[in-house]
Every structure is written in C-alpha cells, then in structure tokens.
C-alpha cells in the first residue's frame, strides 16, 4: 500500500505545470494550450452533416457531428453509420502543428486500435490532403470544401502494387 505522502506527491506533480525545458510546450512555443487552433477553413466543417459514402461500389449513409474540443486544439469529427445496428463509427481529431506547419488527423474507428492511424496533411487551396501510413502502405484522404454549394467531399485513395493511387471511396457531406 502506498503511503499518503507518496500519493499526495503524485497528485501535486500531476497538477503542476511542466518544468522549464520539458517536452511540453511553453508560452513562447507556437503550439500549446496558450495558442489555440483558430482555423476559418476548418470552421466550415463545424456542425451536423449527412454523409453519402461510396466505398468500393457500395453506397451507405452516415451522419457526422463536428465540434471543437480540448481547449479548441482539435476539431472532433464523429461519424456514424445510420444503419441499425451501426456498421461503422469513427472519431477523428484534426489539429494543427504550427511548429511543423502541417495538419494532423488522429483516426480511430470500429476497426480497432491496430488500424487506427495518425495522418499529416497540408492545405492546398480549398483542400487538405492527409497521408496516413498503414502496414500495407500509404492511404490518402483529401478533404475538399466547396463554398459555392456548402458541401465537403472526402476522397479516399489507397495505393496499388505499382505505387499509383486508386480510388477507395468518396464521402459527400451536406448540412443536416
């Protein structure tokens, strides 16, 4: 059994801010809790959406709820199949690393931990092209905003044996 003094030390250590020179960001860093992720482009994704998913020749319907979370550091996308019972669900956290000048996406879904991934991407015009690395090769998911009709398209591509991109699926998002 741990002594009350040890438990108190652990609790105090957990509540204290990181020490200078530690791996945590400080106020002078372009990243960290004092520098929230303000992104007018991704702000277009906040809200409730209906998704038409075309995956490998099959069409399914999903919903998506997007909200800022964790001190406005990430945009959380919660996707869920409308089937009863649901066949697919995903939580995606999109953030930005100012030091690295790139977006980051943490993708977790009903396929479990082995198939969760972190992707990195750059904004090109009205799109963010994310690249994820899986054991069987890279996977690309490009989020494109169409301001004229207020829709998003998420284009997913895998890579064939020759290294060329192959369409895996496409999501079209419309406001609910």
N, C-alpha and C. Protein backbone atom coordinates (compact mmCIF):
# COMPACT_ATOMS: atom_id res chain seq x y z
N UNK A 1 0.84 -1.18 0.00
CA UNK A 1 0.00 0.00 0.00
C UNK A 1 0.88 1.24 0.00
N UNK A 2 0.52 2.22 -0.80
CA UNK A 2 1.32 3.45 -0.87
C UNK A 2 0.98 4.36 0.31
N UNK A 3 1.98 5.08 0.74
CA UNK A 3 1.76 5.98 1.87
C UNK A 3 1.01 7.22 1.39
N UNK A 4 0.28 7.88 2.30
CA UNK A 4 -0.43 9.11 1.93
C UNK A 4 0.52 10.18 1.39
N UNK A 5 1.76 10.22 1.87
CA UNK A 5 2.74 11.21 1.40
C UNK A 5 3.10 10.96 -0.06
N UNK A 6 3.30 9.71 -0.44
CA UNK A 6 3.61 9.37 -1.84
C UNK A 6 2.43 9.72 -2.73
N UNK A 7 1.21 9.36 -2.31
CA UNK A 7 0.02 9.68 -3.10
C UNK A 7 -0.15 11.19 -3.27
N UNK A 8 0.10 11.95 -2.20
CA UNK A 8 -0.01 13.41 -2.27
C UNK A 8 1.04 13.96 -3.23
N UNK A 9 2.26 13.42 -3.23
CA UNK A 9 3.32 13.87 -4.15
C UNK A 9 2.93 13.61 -5.60
N UNK A 10 2.34 12.44 -5.85
CA UNK A 10 1.90 12.12 -7.22
C UNK A 10 0.83 13.09 -7.67
N UNK A 11 -0.14 13.36 -6.79
CA UNK A 11 -1.24 14.27 -7.13
C UNK A 11 -0.72 15.67 -7.40
N UNK A 12 0.15 16.17 -6.54
CA UNK A 12 0.69 17.52 -6.73
C UNK A 12 1.49 17.59 -8.03
N UNK A 13 2.30 16.56 -8.31
CA UNK A 13 3.09 16.52 -9.54
C UNK A 13 2.21 16.54 -10.78
N UNK A 14 1.07 15.87 -10.72
CA UNK A 14 0.16 15.83 -11.87
C UNK A 14 -0.51 17.18 -12.11
N UNK A 15 -0.67 17.97 -11.04
CA UNK A 15 -1.37 19.25 -11.17
C UNK A 15 -0.44 20.42 -11.50
N UNK A 16 0.86 20.24 -11.28
CA UNK A 16 1.81 21.32 -11.55
C UNK A 16 2.04 21.49 -13.05
N UNK A 17 2.31 22.73 -13.48
CA UNK A 17 2.66 22.92 -14.89
C UNK A 17 4.00 22.26 -15.19
N UNK A 18 4.26 21.94 -16.48
CA UNK A 18 5.54 21.30 -16.82
C UNK A 18 6.73 22.19 -16.47
N UNK A 19 7.82 21.55 -16.14
CA UNK A 19 9.03 22.28 -15.77
C UNK A 19 9.66 22.92 -17.01
N UNK A 20 10.36 24.06 -16.83
CA UNK A 20 11.06 24.67 -17.96
C UNK A 20 11.99 23.66 -18.61
N UNK A 21 12.03 23.65 -19.94
CA UNK A 21 12.88 22.74 -20.67
C UNK A 21 12.28 21.36 -20.86
N UNK A 22 11.06 21.16 -20.33
CA UNK A 22 10.44 19.85 -20.50
C UNK A 22 9.89 19.73 -21.92
N UNK A 23 9.38 18.56 -22.25
CA UNK A 23 8.90 18.33 -23.61
C UNK A 23 7.56 19.01 -23.88
N UNK A 24 6.90 19.50 -22.86
CA UNK A 24 5.63 20.20 -23.05
C UNK A 24 5.90 21.60 -23.59
N UNK A 25 4.94 22.12 -24.38
CA UNK A 25 5.10 23.46 -24.96
C UNK A 25 4.99 24.53 -23.87
N UNK A 26 5.73 25.60 -24.02
CA UNK A 26 5.60 26.73 -23.10
C UNK A 26 4.96 27.90 -23.85
N UNK A 27 4.82 29.04 -23.17
CA UNK A 27 4.13 30.19 -23.77
C UNK A 27 4.83 30.73 -25.01
N UNK A 28 6.15 30.51 -25.14
CA UNK A 28 6.87 31.04 -26.29
C UNK A 28 6.76 30.13 -27.51
N UNK A 29 6.26 28.91 -27.31
CA UNK A 29 6.11 27.96 -28.41
C UNK A 29 4.92 28.36 -29.28
N UNK A 30 4.99 28.11 -30.59
CA UNK A 30 3.83 28.41 -31.44
C UNK A 30 2.70 27.41 -31.20
N UNK A 31 2.98 26.33 -30.50
CA UNK A 31 1.98 25.30 -30.18
C UNK A 31 1.78 25.25 -28.68
N UNK A 32 0.66 24.71 -28.25
CA UNK A 32 0.40 24.52 -26.84
C UNK A 32 -0.90 25.14 -26.41
N UNK A 33 -1.24 24.99 -25.12
CA UNK A 33 -2.56 25.40 -24.64
C UNK A 33 -2.83 26.90 -24.72
N UNK A 34 -1.78 27.71 -24.78
CA UNK A 34 -1.98 29.17 -24.88
C UNK A 34 -2.21 29.63 -26.31
N UNK A 35 -2.05 28.74 -27.29
CA UNK A 35 -2.17 29.08 -28.71
C UNK A 35 -3.18 28.13 -29.35
N UNK A 36 -4.45 28.47 -29.20
CA UNK A 36 -5.50 27.57 -29.69
C UNK A 36 -5.53 27.55 -31.22
N UNK A 37 -6.11 26.49 -31.73
CA UNK A 37 -6.20 26.24 -33.17
C UNK A 37 -7.36 27.05 -33.73
N UNK A 38 -7.05 28.18 -34.32
CA UNK A 38 -8.05 29.02 -34.97
C UNK A 38 -7.91 28.81 -36.47
N UNK A 39 -8.90 28.20 -37.09
CA UNK A 39 -8.80 27.85 -38.50
C UNK A 39 -10.13 28.12 -39.20
N UNK A 40 -10.26 29.27 -39.85
CA UNK A 40 -11.51 29.58 -40.55
C UNK A 40 -11.87 28.54 -41.61
N UNK A 41 -10.89 27.90 -42.21
CA UNK A 41 -11.17 26.88 -43.22
C UNK A 41 -11.89 25.69 -42.58
N UNK A 42 -11.32 25.13 -41.50
CA UNK A 42 -11.96 24.00 -40.83
C UNK A 42 -13.22 24.40 -40.08
N UNK A 43 -13.37 25.67 -39.78
CA UNK A 43 -14.60 26.14 -39.14
C UNK A 43 -15.81 25.82 -40.03
N UNK A 44 -15.60 25.77 -41.34
CA UNK A 44 -16.67 25.41 -42.28
C UNK A 44 -17.21 23.99 -42.04
N UNK A 45 -16.46 23.18 -41.32
CA UNK A 45 -16.86 21.80 -41.07
C UNK A 45 -17.66 21.64 -39.77
N UNK A 46 -17.66 22.64 -38.92
CA UNK A 46 -18.37 22.56 -37.65
C UNK A 46 -19.87 22.44 -37.90
N UNK A 47 -20.50 21.51 -37.18
CA UNK A 47 -21.95 21.35 -37.27
C UNK A 47 -22.35 19.92 -37.56
N UNK A 48 -23.61 19.77 -37.98
CA UNK A 48 -24.19 18.45 -38.25
C UNK A 48 -24.30 18.24 -39.75
N UNK A 49 -23.90 17.04 -40.20
CA UNK A 49 -23.83 16.72 -41.61
C UNK A 49 -24.46 15.36 -41.91
N UNK A 50 -24.96 15.23 -43.12
CA UNK A 50 -25.38 13.94 -43.66
C UNK A 50 -24.31 13.54 -44.67
N UNK A 51 -23.85 12.29 -44.60
CA UNK A 51 -22.80 11.81 -45.49
C UNK A 51 -23.36 10.73 -46.39
N UNK A 52 -23.12 10.88 -47.68
CA UNK A 52 -23.34 9.79 -48.63
C UNK A 52 -21.97 9.21 -48.93
N UNK A 53 -21.77 7.95 -48.51
CA UNK A 53 -20.47 7.29 -48.67
C UNK A 53 -20.55 6.29 -49.81
N UNK A 54 -19.62 6.40 -50.72
CA UNK A 54 -19.46 5.41 -51.79
C UNK A 54 -18.13 4.73 -51.55
N UNK A 55 -18.20 3.50 -51.05
CA UNK A 55 -17.00 2.74 -50.70
C UNK A 55 -16.99 1.45 -51.50
N UNK A 56 -16.00 1.29 -52.37
CA UNK A 56 -15.83 0.05 -53.14
C UNK A 56 -17.14 -0.39 -53.81
N UNK A 57 -17.81 0.53 -54.45
CA UNK A 57 -19.02 0.20 -55.19
C UNK A 57 -20.28 0.10 -54.37
N UNK A 58 -20.20 0.32 -53.06
CA UNK A 58 -21.37 0.27 -52.19
C UNK A 58 -21.66 1.67 -51.68
N UNK A 59 -22.94 2.02 -51.59
CA UNK A 59 -23.31 3.32 -51.05
C UNK A 59 -24.00 3.13 -49.71
N UNK A 60 -23.55 3.88 -48.71
CA UNK A 60 -24.15 3.87 -47.38
C UNK A 60 -24.35 5.30 -46.92
N UNK A 61 -25.20 5.46 -45.93
CA UNK A 61 -25.48 6.78 -45.37
C UNK A 61 -24.90 6.85 -43.97
N UNK A 62 -24.28 7.98 -43.66
CA UNK A 62 -23.70 8.23 -42.34
C UNK A 62 -24.12 9.62 -41.88
N UNK A 63 -23.92 9.86 -40.60
CA UNK A 63 -24.05 11.21 -40.06
C UNK A 63 -22.68 11.64 -39.57
N UNK A 64 -22.50 12.93 -39.43
CA UNK A 64 -21.25 13.46 -38.89
C UNK A 64 -21.59 14.67 -38.04
N UNK A 65 -21.01 14.72 -36.86
CA UNK A 65 -21.10 15.88 -35.98
C UNK A 65 -19.68 16.37 -35.77
N UNK A 66 -19.42 17.64 -36.04
CA UNK A 66 -18.08 18.21 -35.89
C UNK A 66 -18.12 19.35 -34.88
N UNK A 67 -17.25 19.27 -33.87
CA UNK A 67 -17.18 20.28 -32.81
C UNK A 67 -15.74 20.50 -32.39
N UNK A 68 -15.43 21.71 -31.94
CA UNK A 68 -14.12 22.00 -31.37
C UNK A 68 -14.03 21.39 -29.98
N UNK A 69 -12.91 20.73 -29.68
CA UNK A 69 -12.72 20.08 -28.38
C UNK A 69 -11.31 20.34 -27.86
N UNK A 70 -11.09 19.97 -26.61
CA UNK A 70 -9.76 20.05 -25.97
C UNK A 70 -9.15 21.44 -26.09
N UNK A 71 -9.86 22.41 -25.50
CA UNK A 71 -9.38 23.79 -25.48
C UNK A 71 -9.22 24.36 -26.89
N UNK A 72 -10.11 23.94 -27.79
CA UNK A 72 -10.10 24.42 -29.19
C UNK A 72 -8.80 24.06 -29.90
N UNK A 73 -8.18 22.94 -29.47
CA UNK A 73 -6.95 22.46 -30.11
C UNK A 73 -7.25 21.51 -31.26
N UNK A 74 -8.42 20.87 -31.21
CA UNK A 74 -8.80 19.89 -32.22
C UNK A 74 -10.24 20.08 -32.66
N UNK A 75 -10.48 19.75 -33.91
CA UNK A 75 -11.84 19.64 -34.42
C UNK A 75 -12.16 18.15 -34.40
N UNK A 76 -13.17 17.78 -33.60
CA UNK A 76 -13.55 16.37 -33.50
C UNK A 76 -14.66 16.07 -34.49
N UNK A 77 -14.44 15.06 -35.32
CA UNK A 77 -15.46 14.57 -36.24
C UNK A 77 -15.97 13.25 -35.68
N UNK A 78 -17.27 13.16 -35.48
CA UNK A 78 -17.87 11.91 -35.02
C UNK A 78 -18.78 11.41 -36.14
N UNK A 79 -18.31 10.39 -36.85
CA UNK A 79 -19.06 9.78 -37.95
C UNK A 79 -19.74 8.52 -37.46
N UNK A 80 -20.97 8.31 -37.97
CA UNK A 80 -21.68 7.10 -37.57
C UNK A 80 -22.61 6.68 -38.69
N UNK A 81 -22.58 5.39 -38.98
CA UNK A 81 -23.48 4.78 -39.96
C UNK A 81 -24.91 4.90 -39.43
N UNK A 82 -25.87 5.17 -40.32
CA UNK A 82 -27.27 5.29 -39.89
C UNK A 82 -27.95 3.93 -39.78
N UNK A 83 -27.30 2.85 -40.22
CA UNK A 83 -27.89 1.50 -40.12
C UNK A 83 -28.10 1.13 -38.66
N UNK A 84 -29.11 0.30 -38.41
CA UNK A 84 -29.39 -0.19 -37.06
C UNK A 84 -29.21 -1.69 -37.04
N UNK A 85 -28.26 -2.26 -36.36
CA UNK A 85 -27.21 -1.57 -35.62
C UNK A 85 -26.17 -0.96 -36.56
N UNK A 86 -25.50 0.05 -36.06
CA UNK A 86 -24.50 0.75 -36.85
C UNK A 86 -23.39 -0.21 -37.28
N UNK A 87 -22.97 -0.09 -38.54
CA UNK A 87 -21.89 -0.94 -39.07
C UNK A 87 -20.54 -0.24 -39.02
N UNK A 88 -20.54 1.10 -38.85
CA UNK A 88 -19.28 1.84 -38.84
C UNK A 88 -19.44 3.08 -37.97
N UNK A 89 -18.39 3.38 -37.23
CA UNK A 89 -18.33 4.59 -36.43
C UNK A 89 -16.88 5.02 -36.35
N UNK A 90 -16.63 6.32 -36.39
CA UNK A 90 -15.26 6.83 -36.31
C UNK A 90 -15.22 8.11 -35.50
N UNK A 91 -14.14 8.30 -34.78
CA UNK A 91 -13.81 9.56 -34.14
C UNK A 91 -12.49 10.02 -34.76
N UNK A 92 -12.51 11.23 -35.27
CA UNK A 92 -11.33 11.80 -35.92
C UNK A 92 -11.05 13.13 -35.24
N UNK A 93 -9.82 13.34 -34.83
CA UNK A 93 -9.40 14.61 -34.25
C UNK A 93 -8.44 15.28 -35.21
N UNK A 94 -8.81 16.48 -35.67
CA UNK A 94 -7.97 17.23 -36.59
C UNK A 94 -7.38 18.42 -35.85
N UNK A 95 -6.08 18.51 -35.86
CA UNK A 95 -5.38 19.61 -35.22
C UNK A 95 -4.35 20.19 -36.17
N UNK A 96 -3.55 21.09 -35.64
CA UNK A 96 -2.52 21.71 -36.46
C UNK A 96 -1.26 21.88 -35.64
N UNK A 97 -0.13 21.49 -36.21
CA UNK A 97 1.17 21.69 -35.60
C UNK A 97 1.80 22.93 -36.24
N UNK A 98 1.78 24.04 -35.51
CA UNK A 98 2.35 25.28 -36.05
C UNK A 98 3.85 25.15 -36.27
N UNK A 99 4.52 24.45 -35.35
CA UNK A 99 5.97 24.25 -35.50
C UNK A 99 6.33 23.48 -36.75
N UNK A 100 5.48 22.51 -37.13
CA UNK A 100 5.73 21.70 -38.31
C UNK A 100 5.01 22.21 -39.56
N UNK A 101 4.13 23.20 -39.37
CA UNK A 101 3.35 23.78 -40.47
C UNK A 101 2.55 22.72 -41.22
N UNK A 102 1.86 21.88 -40.44
CA UNK A 102 1.03 20.86 -41.08
C UNK A 102 -0.13 20.45 -40.17
N UNK A 103 -1.17 19.97 -40.81
CA UNK A 103 -2.31 19.44 -40.10
C UNK A 103 -1.99 18.03 -39.62
N UNK A 104 -2.68 17.61 -38.58
CA UNK A 104 -2.57 16.25 -38.07
C UNK A 104 -3.98 15.72 -37.87
N UNK A 105 -4.20 14.46 -38.22
CA UNK A 105 -5.51 13.82 -38.04
C UNK A 105 -5.29 12.49 -37.33
N UNK A 106 -5.97 12.31 -36.20
CA UNK A 106 -5.94 11.06 -35.45
C UNK A 106 -7.23 10.32 -35.80
N UNK A 107 -7.13 9.19 -36.49
CA UNK A 107 -8.31 8.47 -37.00
C UNK A 107 -8.48 7.18 -36.20
N UNK A 108 -9.58 7.09 -35.48
CA UNK A 108 -9.93 5.90 -34.70
C UNK A 108 -11.33 5.48 -35.12
N UNK A 109 -11.50 4.19 -35.38
CA UNK A 109 -12.83 3.75 -35.80
C UNK A 109 -13.10 2.34 -35.31
N UNK A 110 -14.21 1.78 -35.75
CA UNK A 110 -14.66 0.48 -35.27
C UNK A 110 -13.76 -0.67 -35.71
N UNK A 111 -12.73 -0.41 -36.50
CA UNK A 111 -11.78 -1.45 -36.86
C UNK A 111 -10.77 -1.69 -35.73
N UNK A 112 -10.73 -0.81 -34.73
CA UNK A 112 -9.91 -1.03 -33.55
C UNK A 112 -8.52 -0.42 -33.60
N UNK A 113 -7.80 -0.62 -32.51
CA UNK A 113 -6.50 0.02 -32.32
C UNK A 113 -5.46 -0.32 -33.37
N UNK A 114 -5.46 -1.56 -33.84
CA UNK A 114 -4.45 -1.95 -34.83
C UNK A 114 -4.57 -1.11 -36.10
N UNK A 115 -5.78 -0.70 -36.44
CA UNK A 115 -6.00 0.04 -37.68
C UNK A 115 -6.21 1.54 -37.46
N UNK A 116 -5.99 2.01 -36.23
CA UNK A 116 -6.04 3.46 -36.00
C UNK A 116 -4.77 4.06 -36.60
N UNK A 117 -4.83 5.34 -36.93
CA UNK A 117 -3.67 5.93 -37.59
C UNK A 117 -3.61 7.44 -37.35
N UNK A 118 -2.41 7.96 -37.52
CA UNK A 118 -2.20 9.40 -37.50
C UNK A 118 -1.76 9.81 -38.89
N UNK A 119 -2.48 10.77 -39.46
CA UNK A 119 -2.13 11.29 -40.77
C UNK A 119 -1.66 12.72 -40.66
N UNK A 120 -0.87 13.13 -41.61
CA UNK A 120 -0.40 14.52 -41.69
C UNK A 120 -0.79 15.08 -43.03
N UNK A 121 -1.08 16.38 -43.05
CA UNK A 121 -1.50 16.97 -44.30
C UNK A 121 -1.19 18.43 -44.42
N UNK A 122 -1.23 18.89 -45.63
CA UNK A 122 -1.02 20.30 -45.96
C UNK A 122 -2.27 20.81 -46.67
N UNK A 123 -2.52 22.07 -46.47
CA UNK A 123 -3.64 22.70 -47.18
C UNK A 123 -3.17 23.17 -48.54
N UNK A 124 -3.95 22.80 -49.56
CA UNK A 124 -3.69 23.23 -50.93
C UNK A 124 -5.00 23.81 -51.46
N UNK A 125 -5.08 25.13 -51.55
CA UNK A 125 -6.32 25.77 -52.00
C UNK A 125 -7.45 25.47 -51.05
N UNK A 126 -8.49 24.86 -51.55
CA UNK A 126 -9.67 24.54 -50.74
C UNK A 126 -9.66 23.10 -50.26
N UNK A 127 -8.49 22.50 -50.15
CA UNK A 127 -8.36 21.11 -49.73
C UNK A 127 -7.25 20.93 -48.70
N UNK A 128 -7.43 19.89 -47.88
CA UNK A 128 -6.35 19.40 -47.03
C UNK A 128 -6.13 17.95 -47.44
N UNK A 129 -4.92 17.64 -47.87
CA UNK A 129 -4.58 16.28 -48.29
C UNK A 129 -3.84 15.59 -47.16
N UNK A 130 -4.52 14.63 -46.50
CA UNK A 130 -3.91 13.87 -45.41
C UNK A 130 -3.29 12.59 -45.96
N UNK A 131 -2.12 12.24 -45.43
CA UNK A 131 -1.47 10.98 -45.77
C UNK A 131 -1.30 10.16 -44.50
N UNK A 132 -1.85 8.95 -44.53
CA UNK A 132 -1.77 8.01 -43.40
C UNK A 132 -0.85 6.86 -43.82
N UNK A 133 -0.10 6.32 -42.86
CA UNK A 133 0.78 5.19 -43.15
C UNK A 133 0.29 3.97 -42.38
N UNK A 134 -0.10 2.94 -43.14
CA UNK A 134 -0.56 1.68 -42.59
C UNK A 134 0.47 0.60 -42.94
N UNK A 135 0.43 -0.54 -42.25
CA UNK A 135 1.39 -1.61 -42.56
C UNK A 135 1.36 -2.04 -44.03
N UNK A 136 0.19 -1.96 -44.67
CA UNK A 136 0.12 -2.39 -46.08
C UNK A 136 0.32 -1.24 -47.06
N UNK A 137 0.73 -0.08 -46.57
CA UNK A 137 1.05 1.03 -47.46
C UNK A 137 0.32 2.32 -47.11
N UNK A 138 0.63 3.39 -47.84
CA UNK A 138 0.00 4.68 -47.55
C UNK A 138 -1.47 4.71 -47.98
N UNK A 139 -2.20 5.59 -47.32
CA UNK A 139 -3.61 5.82 -47.61
C UNK A 139 -3.81 7.32 -47.57
N UNK A 140 -4.54 7.84 -48.53
CA UNK A 140 -4.75 9.28 -48.65
C UNK A 140 -6.23 9.61 -48.46
N UNK A 141 -6.48 10.69 -47.72
CA UNK A 141 -7.84 11.18 -47.55
C UNK A 141 -7.77 12.70 -47.72
N UNK A 142 -8.36 13.18 -48.81
CA UNK A 142 -8.31 14.61 -49.13
C UNK A 142 -9.67 15.22 -48.85
N UNK A 143 -9.70 16.20 -47.92
CA UNK A 143 -10.93 16.91 -47.56
C UNK A 143 -11.00 18.16 -48.42
N UNK A 144 -12.07 18.30 -49.21
CA UNK A 144 -12.22 19.45 -50.11
C UNK A 144 -13.51 20.19 -49.80
N UNK A 145 -13.42 21.48 -49.58
CA UNK A 145 -14.54 22.36 -49.29
C UNK A 145 -15.02 23.02 -50.58
N UNK A 146 -16.33 22.96 -50.82
CA UNK A 146 -16.93 23.61 -51.97
C UNK A 146 -17.83 24.73 -51.43
N UNK A 147 -17.28 25.95 -51.37
CA UNK A 147 -18.01 27.08 -50.79
C UNK A 147 -19.25 27.45 -51.58
N UNK A 148 -19.25 27.22 -52.89
CA UNK A 148 -20.39 27.63 -53.71
C UNK A 148 -21.68 26.89 -53.35
N UNK A 149 -21.57 25.63 -52.92
CA UNK A 149 -22.79 24.91 -52.53
C UNK A 149 -22.73 24.42 -51.08
N UNK A 150 -21.70 24.80 -50.33
CA UNK A 150 -21.62 24.47 -48.91
C UNK A 150 -21.46 22.99 -48.61
N UNK A 151 -20.74 22.27 -49.46
CA UNK A 151 -20.53 20.84 -49.24
C UNK A 151 -19.05 20.53 -49.08
N UNK A 152 -18.78 19.37 -48.51
CA UNK A 152 -17.43 18.83 -48.41
C UNK A 152 -17.40 17.51 -49.16
N UNK A 153 -16.24 17.18 -49.72
CA UNK A 153 -16.01 15.86 -50.30
C UNK A 153 -14.72 15.33 -49.67
N UNK A 154 -14.79 14.12 -49.13
CA UNK A 154 -13.62 13.43 -48.60
C UNK A 154 -13.29 12.32 -49.59
N UNK A 155 -12.19 12.46 -50.30
CA UNK A 155 -11.78 11.48 -51.31
C UNK A 155 -10.69 10.59 -50.72
N UNK A 156 -10.97 9.29 -50.66
CA UNK A 156 -10.06 8.32 -50.06
C UNK A 156 -9.40 7.49 -51.16
N UNK A 157 -8.07 7.38 -51.05
CA UNK A 157 -7.32 6.63 -52.07
C UNK A 157 -6.30 5.71 -51.40
N UNK A 158 -6.25 4.50 -51.90
CA UNK A 158 -5.20 3.56 -51.50
C UNK A 158 -4.14 3.57 -52.60
N UNK A 159 -3.16 2.70 -52.48
CA UNK A 159 -2.07 2.64 -53.45
C UNK A 159 -2.00 1.23 -54.01
N UNK A 160 -1.90 1.13 -55.35
CA UNK A 160 -1.80 -0.19 -55.97
C UNK A 160 -0.35 -0.70 -55.93
N UNK A 161 -0.13 -1.90 -56.43
CA UNK A 161 1.20 -2.53 -56.37
C UNK A 161 2.27 -1.75 -57.11
N UNK A 162 1.85 -0.90 -58.07
CA UNK A 162 2.82 -0.09 -58.83
C UNK A 162 3.04 1.29 -58.21
N UNK A 163 2.38 1.55 -57.07
CA UNK A 163 2.55 2.83 -56.40
C UNK A 163 1.57 3.91 -56.84
N UNK A 164 0.65 3.59 -57.73
CA UNK A 164 -0.34 4.57 -58.18
C UNK A 164 -1.54 4.62 -57.24
N UNK A 165 -2.15 5.78 -57.16
CA UNK A 165 -3.32 5.94 -56.31
C UNK A 165 -4.55 5.33 -56.97
N UNK A 166 -5.35 4.66 -56.14
CA UNK A 166 -6.56 4.01 -56.59
C UNK A 166 -7.71 4.48 -55.70
N UNK A 167 -8.83 4.87 -56.31
CA UNK A 167 -9.98 5.33 -55.54
C UNK A 167 -10.49 4.22 -54.64
N UNK A 168 -10.55 4.50 -53.35
CA UNK A 168 -11.09 3.58 -52.36
C UNK A 168 -12.55 3.94 -52.07
N UNK A 169 -12.81 5.25 -51.96
CA UNK A 169 -14.16 5.71 -51.67
C UNK A 169 -14.25 7.21 -51.67
N UNK A 170 -15.49 7.68 -51.57
CA UNK A 170 -15.72 9.12 -51.56
C UNK A 170 -16.92 9.44 -50.68
N UNK A 171 -16.75 10.39 -49.79
CA UNK A 171 -17.82 10.87 -48.92
C UNK A 171 -18.25 12.24 -49.40
N UNK A 172 -19.57 12.45 -49.53
CA UNK A 172 -20.09 13.77 -49.82
C UNK A 172 -20.90 14.22 -48.62
N UNK A 173 -20.55 15.37 -48.04
CA UNK A 173 -21.18 15.88 -46.85
C UNK A 173 -22.10 17.05 -47.19
N UNK A 174 -23.34 16.97 -46.70
CA UNK A 174 -24.32 18.06 -46.84
C UNK A 174 -24.87 18.37 -45.46
N UNK A 175 -25.11 19.63 -45.17
CA UNK A 175 -25.63 20.02 -43.85
C UNK A 175 -26.99 19.38 -43.58
N UNK A 176 -27.19 19.00 -42.32
CA UNK A 176 -28.49 18.45 -41.90
C UNK A 176 -29.34 19.55 -41.32
